[in-house]
Amino acid sequence: MSYQQVKYFQDLEDYAAAYKIARADWDANPNLQWPKNTIAWLLIKMMKCNARAYARGKFIQQLEEFKTLNVPLDDRKLWGAVAWPVRDIVNDSFQMQWFTPQFGDELFAVIKDIPFDKPSESYSAMAKSFISLGSLWPRLVEFIEWWGFDCFTDFDYRRYPEDGRLESLAEKVYSAYLVALHRDEEQREPSKAFFDGLDHWALRSKEQADRVYKILNYNNNQ
């Protein structure tokens, strides 16, 4: 009966009501598997609804609860899906001009130990949202190093001039990293992972990698 009730409210897109029922069933019998899986997907749907700058507190709370579910590491669909609302709340906060370094730090602290599905479209989309912050967030270097220089999909190395996209996502990430490094007061050198990734990238597209090398040389000469 509970499963049917949950499905009923899901069909109505009343995810909060569906969540309450599934949560009550799981709390009453933690050995039941369906409520746990359903709760995970409902939390993702609720996070999508709350991926707004004005709902950041509720969003963080739901993201932290998602982490407590101990979703199996091999459930790539769930770990891939959770990156989308993270992307959305960063984009909305940026577009609404409500992004603050404090919120960036809080969000990063929560997602740092999430085993996102990577490489994946959603993981790349999350990177794109964060690098758009530019100088608004002082920890962009740390984020990019955490995200990784070996987590690009094949599509991330492509340019799409027909759609007006003259830079690949890989170019944008590497460039954003160098610009953020140059802006950093510590003025430290790029990480080893950066150079390893760049060397690997040069085998795929020398033209794109050369552009990043030019930015690196420019920074070194300043």
Protein backbone atom coordinates (compact mmCIF):
# COMPACT_ATOMS: atom_id res chain seq x y z
CA MET A 1 0.00 0.00 0.00
CA SER A 2 2.79 2.44 0.90
CA TYR A 3 4.51 1.85 -2.43
CA GLN A 4 1.30 2.69 -4.27
CA GLN A 5 0.87 5.85 -2.19
CA VAL A 6 4.42 6.93 -2.96
CA LYS A 7 3.87 6.36 -6.67
CA TYR A 8 0.61 8.30 -6.51
CA PHE A 9 2.29 11.39 -5.05
CA GLN A 10 5.24 11.03 -7.41
CA ASP A 11 2.86 11.12 -10.35
CA LEU A 12 1.43 14.33 -8.90
CA GLU A 13 5.01 15.63 -8.58
CA ASP A 14 4.39 16.08 -4.87
CA TYR A 15 7.82 14.73 -3.98
CA ALA A 16 7.74 15.96 -0.40
CA ALA A 17 4.60 13.92 0.36
CA ALA A 18 6.02 10.86 -1.40
CA TYR A 19 9.24 11.27 0.56
CA LYS A 20 7.45 11.36 3.93
CA ILE A 21 5.70 8.07 3.22
CA ALA A 22 8.82 6.32 1.93
CA ARG A 23 10.88 7.67 4.83
CA ALA A 24 8.34 6.43 7.39
CA ASP A 25 8.40 2.96 5.84
CA TRP A 26 12.19 2.84 5.84
CA ASP A 27 12.47 4.13 9.41
CA ALA A 28 10.01 1.45 10.51
CA ASN A 29 11.88 -1.30 8.64
CA PRO A 30 15.46 -0.40 7.63
CA ASN A 31 15.85 -3.79 5.93
CA LEU A 32 13.40 -2.80 3.20
CA GLN A 33 15.27 -1.90 0.04
CA TRP A 34 12.63 -0.12 -2.01
CA PRO A 35 12.10 2.80 0.39
CA LYS A 36 15.85 3.54 0.49
CA ASN A 37 16.18 3.57 -3.32
CA THR A 38 13.01 5.62 -3.63
CA ILE A 39 14.19 8.10 -1.00
CA ALA A 40 17.45 8.60 -2.92
CA TRP A 41 15.64 9.44 -6.16
CA LEU A 42 13.08 11.60 -4.36
CA LEU A 43 15.86 13.59 -2.69
CA ILE A 44 17.42 14.22 -6.10
CA LYS A 45 14.07 15.40 -7.45
CA MET A 46 13.56 17.67 -4.43
CA MET A 47 17.09 19.03 -4.83
CA LYS A 48 16.28 19.88 -8.44
CA CYS A 49 13.23 21.80 -7.22
CA ASN A 50 15.30 23.57 -4.56
CA ALA A 51 18.31 24.31 -6.76
CA ARG A 52 17.61 28.00 -6.36
CA ALA A 53 19.66 30.66 -4.63
CA TYR A 54 16.83 31.45 -2.22
CA ALA A 55 16.52 27.77 -1.17
CA ARG A 56 20.20 27.04 -0.63
CA GLY A 57 19.73 26.05 3.01
CA LYS A 58 17.14 23.42 2.18
CA PHE A 59 19.24 22.25 -0.77
CA ILE A 60 22.34 21.69 1.39
CA GLN A 61 20.24 19.83 3.96
CA GLN A 62 18.84 17.47 1.34
CA LEU A 63 22.27 16.91 -0.21
CA GLU A 64 23.71 16.00 3.17
CA GLU A 65 20.82 13.60 3.79
CA PHE A 66 21.46 11.97 0.42
CA LYS A 67 25.01 11.23 1.55
CA THR A 68 23.77 9.43 4.67
CA LEU A 69 21.90 6.86 2.56
CA ASN A 70 25.16 5.04 1.75
CA VAL A 71 24.20 4.52 -1.86
CA PRO A 72 26.34 1.69 -3.34
CA LEU A 73 29.37 3.00 -5.20
CA ASP A 74 28.45 0.99 -8.28
CA ASP A 75 25.08 2.76 -8.64
CA ARG A 76 26.36 5.05 -11.37
CA LYS A 77 22.90 6.37 -12.25
CA LEU A 78 22.36 7.85 -8.81
CA TRP A 79 25.89 9.20 -8.45
CA GLY A 80 25.59 10.70 -11.91
CA ALA A 81 22.16 12.20 -11.26
CA VAL A 82 23.16 14.02 -8.07
CA ALA A 83 25.61 16.23 -10.00
CA TRP A 84 22.82 17.90 -12.00
CA PRO A 85 21.14 19.77 -9.11
CA VAL A 86 24.60 20.83 -7.86
CA ARG A 87 25.18 22.33 -11.31
CA ASP A 88 21.78 24.00 -11.20
CA ILE A 89 22.16 25.73 -7.84
CA VAL A 90 25.57 27.12 -8.77
CA ASN A 91 24.18 28.45 -12.05
CA ASP A 92 21.12 29.97 -10.40
CA SER A 93 23.16 31.60 -7.63
CA PHE A 94 25.50 33.08 -10.23
CA GLN A 95 22.74 34.30 -12.53
CA MET A 96 20.75 35.82 -9.66
CA GLN A 97 23.95 37.47 -8.36
CA TRP A 98 23.45 35.74 -5.03
CA PHE A 99 26.57 33.65 -5.09
CA THR A 100 28.90 34.26 -2.15
CA PRO A 101 32.30 32.73 -1.31
CA GLN A 102 30.77 31.42 1.91
CA PHE A 103 28.12 29.49 0.01
CA GLY A 104 30.76 28.15 -2.39
CA ASP A 105 32.81 26.92 0.55
CA GLU A 106 29.76 25.31 2.20
CA LEU A 107 28.69 23.55 -0.98
CA PHE A 108 32.21 22.37 -1.78
CA ALA A 109 32.61 20.95 1.74
CA VAL A 110 29.53 18.80 1.16
CA ILE A 111 30.35 17.54 -2.35
CA LYS A 112 34.08 16.89 -1.84
CA ASP A 113 33.57 13.32 -0.64
CA ILE A 114 30.71 12.41 -2.99
CA PRO A 115 31.79 9.66 -5.42
CA PHE A 116 30.29 11.28 -8.52
CA ASP A 117 30.07 9.22 -11.69
CA LYS A 118 33.05 10.31 -13.78
CA PRO A 119 33.71 10.93 -16.51
CA SER A 120 30.11 11.74 -17.28
CA GLU A 121 27.98 14.45 -18.83
CA SER A 122 26.67 15.55 -15.44
CA TYR A 123 30.15 15.73 -13.88
CA SER A 124 31.35 17.88 -16.77
CA ALA A 125 28.28 20.11 -16.47
CA MET A 126 29.09 20.65 -12.81
CA ALA A 127 32.63 21.75 -13.71
CA LYS A 128 31.27 24.18 -16.29
CA SER A 129 29.03 25.82 -13.69
CA PHE A 130 31.85 26.29 -11.19
CA ILE A 131 34.40 27.72 -13.62
CA SER A 132 31.83 30.31 -14.68
CA LEU A 133 32.24 31.83 -11.20
CA GLY A 134 35.70 33.13 -12.05
CA SER A 135 37.00 35.54 -9.43
CA LEU A 136 33.78 35.32 -7.38
CA TRP A 137 35.12 32.25 -5.60
CA PRO A 138 38.71 32.24 -4.30
CA ARG A 139 38.84 28.44 -4.06
CA LEU A 140 38.39 27.76 -7.76
CA VAL A 141 41.92 26.36 -8.09
CA GLU A 142 41.23 23.87 -5.32
CA PHE A 143 37.94 22.89 -6.92
CA ILE A 144 39.46 22.23 -10.34
CA GLU A 145 42.29 20.18 -8.86
CA TRP A 146 39.69 18.16 -6.95
CA TRP A 147 37.50 17.77 -10.04
CA GLY A 148 40.49 16.37 -11.90
CA PHE A 149 42.32 16.85 -15.18
CA ASP A 150 41.56 13.32 -16.34
CA CYS A 151 37.77 13.34 -15.96
CA PHE A 152 36.76 14.79 -19.32
CA THR A 153 34.46 12.92 -21.66
CA ASP A 154 35.36 12.66 -25.34
CA PHE A 155 32.84 15.40 -26.07
CA ASP A 156 34.60 17.77 -23.65
CA TYR A 157 37.58 17.95 -26.02
CA ARG A 158 35.44 19.02 -28.97
CA ARG A 159 34.65 22.48 -30.24
CA TYR A 160 31.25 23.22 -31.73
CA PRO A 161 31.70 26.31 -33.95
CA GLU A 162 28.35 25.70 -35.62
CA ASP A 163 26.74 26.43 -32.24
CA GLY A 164 29.05 29.33 -31.48
CA ARG A 165 31.18 27.30 -29.06
CA LEU A 166 34.70 28.09 -30.17
CA GLU A 167 36.33 26.60 -27.08
CA SER A 168 36.05 23.05 -25.84
CA LEU A 169 35.13 22.49 -22.20
CA ALA A 170 38.64 21.16 -21.61
CA GLU A 171 40.08 24.45 -22.87
CA LYS A 172 37.79 26.40 -20.56
CA VAL A 173 38.70 24.33 -17.50
CA TYR A 174 42.45 24.50 -18.12
CA SER A 175 42.29 28.22 -18.89
CA ALA A 176 40.16 28.95 -15.84
CA TYR A 177 42.67 27.05 -13.71
CA LEU A 178 45.62 29.08 -14.98
CA VAL A 179 43.79 32.38 -14.63
CA ALA A 180 42.76 31.49 -11.08
CA LEU A 181 46.31 30.43 -10.24
CA HIS A 182 47.66 33.72 -11.59
CA ARG A 183 45.13 35.57 -9.46
CA ASP A 184 46.09 33.63 -6.32
CA GLU A 185 48.32 35.54 -3.90
CA GLU A 186 50.48 32.46 -3.32
CA GLN A 187 51.46 32.39 -7.01
CA ARG A 188 52.23 28.67 -6.86
CA GLU A 189 53.01 26.45 -9.80
CA PRO A 190 50.35 24.32 -11.54
CA SER A 191 49.94 20.83 -10.12
CA LYS A 192 51.62 17.75 -11.56
CA ALA A 193 48.16 16.46 -12.56
CA PHE A 194 47.74 19.60 -14.66
CA PHE A 195 50.90 18.91 -16.67
CA ASP A 196 50.14 15.19 -16.97
CA GLY A 197 46.69 15.98 -18.29
CA LEU A 198 48.05 18.60 -20.67
CA ASP A 199 50.62 16.19 -22.11
CA HIS A 200 47.90 13.59 -22.65
CA TRP A 201 45.66 16.21 -24.20
CA ALA A 202 48.39 17.29 -26.63
CA LEU A 203 48.25 13.82 -28.16
CA ARG A 204 44.55 14.34 -28.88
CA SER A 205 44.57 17.97 -30.00
CA LYS A 206 47.88 19.78 -30.27
CA GLU A 207 46.12 22.99 -31.32
CA GLN A 208 44.03 23.18 -28.15
CA ALA A 209 46.89 22.16 -25.87
CA ASP A 210 49.18 24.76 -27.46
CA ARG A 211 46.65 27.46 -26.60
CA VAL A 212 46.84 26.47 -22.93
CA TYR A 213 50.64 26.42 -23.07
CA LYS A 214 50.55 30.01 -24.39
CA ILE A 215 48.46 31.10 -21.41
CA LEU A 216 50.89 29.32 -19.10
CA ASN A 217 53.89 31.04 -20.70
CA TYR A 218 52.16 34.40 -20.53
CA ASN A 219 51.50 33.97 -16.81
CA ASN A 220 55.11 32.94 -16.20
CA ASN A 221 56.37 36.08 -17.90
CA GLN A 222 54.22 38.46 -15.90
